[in-house]
N, C-alpha and C. Protein backbone atom coordinates (compact mmCIF):
# COMPACT_ATOMS: atom_id res chain seq x y z
N MET A 1 99.68 102.19 133.71
CA MET A 1 100.72 103.03 133.15
C MET A 1 101.44 102.32 131.99
N ARG A 2 101.69 101.04 132.14
CA ARG A 2 102.36 100.26 131.10
C ARG A 2 101.56 100.25 129.81
N ASP A 3 100.23 100.16 129.91
CA ASP A 3 99.37 100.16 128.73
C ASP A 3 99.47 101.48 127.97
N VAL A 4 99.57 102.58 128.70
CA VAL A 4 99.69 103.90 128.08
C VAL A 4 101.02 103.99 127.32
N GLN A 5 102.08 103.49 127.92
CA GLN A 5 103.39 103.52 127.26
C GLN A 5 103.39 102.65 126.01
N LEU A 6 102.78 101.48 126.11
CA LEU A 6 102.72 100.59 124.95
C LEU A 6 101.90 101.22 123.83
N GLU A 7 100.80 101.85 124.18
CA GLU A 7 99.97 102.49 123.16
C GLU A 7 100.72 103.65 122.49
N LYS A 8 101.46 104.40 123.27
CA LYS A 8 102.26 105.50 122.72
C LYS A 8 103.33 104.94 121.78
N ALA A 9 103.96 103.84 122.18
CA ALA A 9 104.97 103.20 121.33
C ALA A 9 104.35 102.69 120.04
N ARG A 10 103.13 102.17 120.12
CA ARG A 10 102.46 101.67 118.92
C ARG A 10 102.12 102.82 117.96
N ILE A 11 101.72 103.94 118.49
CA ILE A 11 101.42 105.11 117.65
C ILE A 11 102.70 105.58 116.96
N GLN A 12 103.78 105.64 117.72
CA GLN A 12 105.06 106.06 117.14
C GLN A 12 105.53 105.06 116.07
N ALA A 13 105.32 103.78 116.32
CA ALA A 13 105.71 102.76 115.35
C ALA A 13 104.90 102.89 114.07
N ALA A 14 103.61 103.17 114.19
CA ALA A 14 102.77 103.36 113.00
C ALA A 14 103.25 104.57 112.21
N GLN A 15 103.65 105.63 112.90
CA GLN A 15 104.18 106.81 112.22
C GLN A 15 105.51 106.48 111.54
N GLU A 16 106.32 105.67 112.21
CA GLU A 16 107.59 105.26 111.63
C GLU A 16 107.36 104.43 110.37
N LEU A 17 106.36 103.57 110.38
CA LEU A 17 106.04 102.79 109.18
C LEU A 17 105.72 103.70 108.01
N GLU A 18 105.02 104.78 108.26
CA GLU A 18 104.70 105.72 107.18
C GLU A 18 105.98 106.37 106.64
N ARG A 19 106.92 106.68 107.51
CA ARG A 19 108.20 107.23 107.04
C ARG A 19 108.97 106.18 106.23
N LEU A 20 108.93 104.93 106.69
CA LEU A 20 109.61 103.87 105.94
C LEU A 20 108.97 103.68 104.57
N LYS A 21 107.66 103.75 104.50
CA LYS A 21 106.97 103.64 103.21
C LYS A 21 107.41 104.77 102.28
N SER A 22 107.54 105.95 102.82
CA SER A 22 107.99 107.09 102.03
C SER A 22 109.39 106.85 101.48
N MET A 23 110.25 106.26 102.30
CA MET A 23 111.60 105.94 101.85
C MET A 23 111.57 104.93 100.71
N VAL A 24 110.72 103.92 100.83
CA VAL A 24 110.60 102.90 99.78
C VAL A 24 110.17 103.55 98.47
N LEU A 25 109.22 104.47 98.54
CA LEU A 25 108.76 105.17 97.33
C LEU A 25 109.88 106.01 96.72
N THR A 26 110.68 106.64 97.56
CA THR A 26 111.81 107.43 97.08
C THR A 26 112.83 106.54 96.40
N TRP A 27 113.11 105.40 97.02
CA TRP A 27 114.05 104.46 96.41
C TRP A 27 113.53 103.98 95.07
N LYS A 28 112.24 103.64 95.01
CA LYS A 28 111.67 103.16 93.75
C LYS A 28 111.84 104.20 92.66
N ALA A 29 111.58 105.46 92.98
CA ALA A 29 111.73 106.53 92.00
C ALA A 29 113.18 106.61 91.51
N SER A 30 114.14 106.41 92.42
CA SER A 30 115.54 106.48 91.99
C SER A 30 115.89 105.30 91.09
N TYR A 31 115.31 104.13 91.35
CA TYR A 31 115.54 102.98 90.47
C TYR A 31 114.93 103.22 89.09
N VAL A 32 113.77 103.83 89.05
CA VAL A 32 113.16 104.16 87.76
C VAL A 32 114.08 105.11 86.99
N ASP A 33 114.66 106.07 87.70
CA ASP A 33 115.57 107.02 87.06
C ASP A 33 116.85 106.35 86.55
N MET A 34 117.28 105.28 87.22
CA MET A 34 118.50 104.58 86.81
C MET A 34 118.29 103.72 85.57
N ALA A 35 117.07 103.34 85.31
CA ALA A 35 116.79 102.44 84.19
C ALA A 35 117.11 103.12 82.86
N ASP A 36 117.70 102.35 81.97
CA ASP A 36 117.98 102.92 80.66
C ASP A 36 117.01 102.45 79.59
N GLY A 37 116.08 101.57 79.97
CA GLY A 37 115.00 101.19 79.07
C GLY A 37 115.39 100.27 77.94
N ASP A 38 116.54 99.66 78.03
CA ASP A 38 116.98 98.79 76.94
C ASP A 38 116.60 97.33 77.15
N GLY A 39 115.77 97.07 78.17
CA GLY A 39 115.33 95.70 78.43
C GLY A 39 116.27 94.91 79.31
N THR A 40 117.32 95.53 79.80
CA THR A 40 118.29 94.83 80.66
C THR A 40 118.27 95.38 82.09
N ASP A 41 117.14 95.88 82.50
CA ASP A 41 117.04 96.53 83.81
C ASP A 41 116.50 95.63 84.92
N ASP A 42 116.38 94.34 84.66
CA ASP A 42 115.84 93.41 85.66
C ASP A 42 116.66 93.43 86.96
N PHE A 43 117.97 93.64 86.81
CA PHE A 43 118.82 93.66 88.00
C PHE A 43 118.41 94.77 88.97
N LEU A 44 117.82 95.85 88.45
CA LEU A 44 117.38 96.94 89.32
C LEU A 44 116.25 96.49 90.23
N VAL A 45 115.37 95.65 89.72
CA VAL A 45 114.28 95.13 90.53
C VAL A 45 114.83 94.28 91.67
N MET A 46 115.81 93.44 91.37
CA MET A 46 116.42 92.60 92.40
C MET A 46 117.14 93.44 93.44
N GLU A 47 117.85 94.47 93.00
CA GLU A 47 118.55 95.35 93.94
C GLU A 47 117.57 96.09 94.83
N PHE A 48 116.46 96.54 94.27
CA PHE A 48 115.43 97.23 95.03
C PHE A 48 114.87 96.32 96.12
N ALA A 49 114.54 95.09 95.76
CA ALA A 49 114.01 94.13 96.73
C ALA A 49 115.03 93.85 97.83
N GLN A 50 116.29 93.71 97.46
CA GLN A 50 117.35 93.46 98.45
C GLN A 50 117.53 94.65 99.38
N GLU A 51 117.44 95.84 98.82
CA GLU A 51 117.59 97.05 99.64
C GLU A 51 116.46 97.14 100.67
N ILE A 52 115.26 96.82 100.24
CA ILE A 52 114.13 96.84 101.17
C ILE A 52 114.37 95.86 102.31
N GLU A 53 114.74 94.65 101.97
CA GLU A 53 114.95 93.62 103.01
C GLU A 53 116.09 94.01 103.95
N GLU A 54 117.18 94.48 103.37
CA GLU A 54 118.36 94.81 104.17
C GLU A 54 118.13 95.98 105.12
N TYR A 55 117.46 97.01 104.64
CA TYR A 55 117.34 98.22 105.45
C TYR A 55 116.02 98.33 106.21
N MET A 56 114.96 97.79 105.66
CA MET A 56 113.67 97.87 106.33
C MET A 56 113.44 96.70 107.30
N GLY A 57 113.95 95.55 106.91
CA GLY A 57 113.74 94.34 107.70
C GLY A 57 114.08 94.48 109.17
N PRO A 58 115.29 94.95 109.50
CA PRO A 58 115.65 95.05 110.92
C PRO A 58 114.72 95.96 111.72
N PHE A 59 114.32 97.07 111.15
CA PHE A 59 113.42 97.99 111.85
C PHE A 59 112.07 97.34 112.12
N VAL A 60 111.52 96.74 111.08
CA VAL A 60 110.18 96.16 111.20
C VAL A 60 110.21 94.96 112.15
N ARG A 61 111.24 94.13 112.05
CA ARG A 61 111.33 93.00 112.97
C ARG A 61 111.47 93.45 114.42
N ARG A 62 112.28 94.48 114.65
CA ARG A 62 112.46 95.00 116.02
C ARG A 62 111.14 95.53 116.57
N MET A 63 110.43 96.31 115.77
CA MET A 63 109.16 96.86 116.24
C MET A 63 108.14 95.76 116.48
N HIS A 64 108.20 94.70 115.71
CA HIS A 64 107.29 93.57 115.92
C HIS A 64 107.67 92.81 117.19
N MET A 65 108.95 92.56 117.38
CA MET A 65 109.40 91.82 118.56
C MET A 65 109.08 92.57 119.86
N THR A 66 109.09 93.89 119.80
CA THR A 66 108.80 94.69 121.00
C THR A 66 107.31 95.02 121.11
N GLN A 67 106.50 94.39 120.28
CA GLN A 67 105.04 94.52 120.28
C GLN A 67 104.55 95.92 119.95
N GLN A 68 105.38 96.69 119.27
CA GLN A 68 104.93 98.00 118.80
C GLN A 68 104.09 97.85 117.54
N LEU A 69 104.34 96.77 116.80
CA LEU A 69 103.54 96.46 115.61
C LEU A 69 102.94 95.08 115.79
N ASP A 70 101.71 94.94 115.35
CA ASP A 70 101.09 93.62 115.40
C ASP A 70 101.30 92.89 114.06
N ASP A 71 100.89 91.64 114.02
CA ASP A 71 101.09 90.82 112.82
C ASP A 71 100.46 91.45 111.58
N ASP A 72 99.27 92.01 111.74
CA ASP A 72 98.58 92.61 110.58
C ASP A 72 99.34 93.82 110.04
N GLN A 73 99.88 94.64 110.93
CA GLN A 73 100.64 95.81 110.48
C GLN A 73 101.90 95.39 109.73
N VAL A 74 102.57 94.38 110.27
CA VAL A 74 103.79 93.89 109.62
C VAL A 74 103.45 93.32 108.24
N SER A 75 102.41 92.50 108.18
CA SER A 75 102.01 91.92 106.89
C SER A 75 101.63 93.01 105.89
N ALA A 76 100.90 94.00 106.33
CA ALA A 76 100.50 95.10 105.44
C ALA A 76 101.72 95.88 104.95
N PHE A 77 102.69 96.09 105.83
CA PHE A 77 103.89 96.81 105.42
C PHE A 77 104.66 96.03 104.36
N TRP A 78 104.85 94.71 104.60
CA TRP A 78 105.58 93.92 103.61
C TRP A 78 104.81 93.82 102.30
N GLU A 79 103.49 93.74 102.37
CA GLU A 79 102.70 93.72 101.14
C GLU A 79 102.88 95.03 100.37
N PHE A 80 102.90 96.14 101.08
CA PHE A 80 103.16 97.43 100.44
C PHE A 80 104.52 97.40 99.75
N CYS A 81 105.55 96.98 100.49
CA CYS A 81 106.90 96.98 99.94
C CYS A 81 107.01 96.12 98.68
N TYR A 82 106.50 94.92 98.78
CA TYR A 82 106.66 94.03 97.63
C TYR A 82 105.68 94.38 96.52
N GLY A 83 104.65 95.11 96.85
CA GLY A 83 103.81 95.69 95.81
C GLY A 83 104.60 96.73 95.02
N GLN A 84 105.45 97.47 95.72
CA GLN A 84 106.30 98.45 95.04
C GLN A 84 107.34 97.76 94.16
N VAL A 85 107.83 96.61 94.61
CA VAL A 85 108.77 95.84 93.79
C VAL A 85 108.06 95.37 92.52
N ARG A 86 106.86 94.85 92.68
CA ARG A 86 106.09 94.40 91.50
C ARG A 86 105.82 95.58 90.56
N ASP A 87 105.51 96.73 91.14
CA ASP A 87 105.23 97.91 90.33
C ASP A 87 106.49 98.34 89.56
N LEU A 88 107.63 98.30 90.24
CA LEU A 88 108.88 98.65 89.56
C LEU A 88 109.14 97.69 88.40
N ARG A 89 108.93 96.39 88.64
CA ARG A 89 109.12 95.40 87.58
C ARG A 89 108.23 95.74 86.39
N SER A 90 107.00 96.09 86.68
CA SER A 90 106.05 96.42 85.61
C SER A 90 106.49 97.68 84.87
N LEU A 91 106.92 98.69 85.60
CA LEU A 91 107.36 99.93 84.97
C LEU A 91 108.56 99.71 84.07
N LEU A 92 109.47 98.85 84.50
CA LEU A 92 110.70 98.63 83.72
C LEU A 92 110.49 97.69 82.55
N SER A 93 109.41 96.94 82.56
CA SER A 93 109.19 96.02 81.45
C SER A 93 108.33 96.62 80.35
N THR A 94 107.88 97.84 80.53
CA THR A 94 107.06 98.47 79.49
C THR A 94 107.89 99.28 78.52
């Protein structure tokens, strides 16, 4: 019975990760909208990265500590997030 509950929790956690990814994409779009394109928008990249860590970090760490997410899922999620930070940096520097 415990295995079934853990598997259900893992499925829910994977679905939650997808919602969190969607939030990150929404945030990135809002940062792109805030940019004025004058070459002084680097602070937006830093704020975006801080927002991800501040708001996503606790959720992901909790799900990892409770074994709802494994190491690979956590690593993939953070790679996605910081890939979005790199993408924002690239978008703002063009």
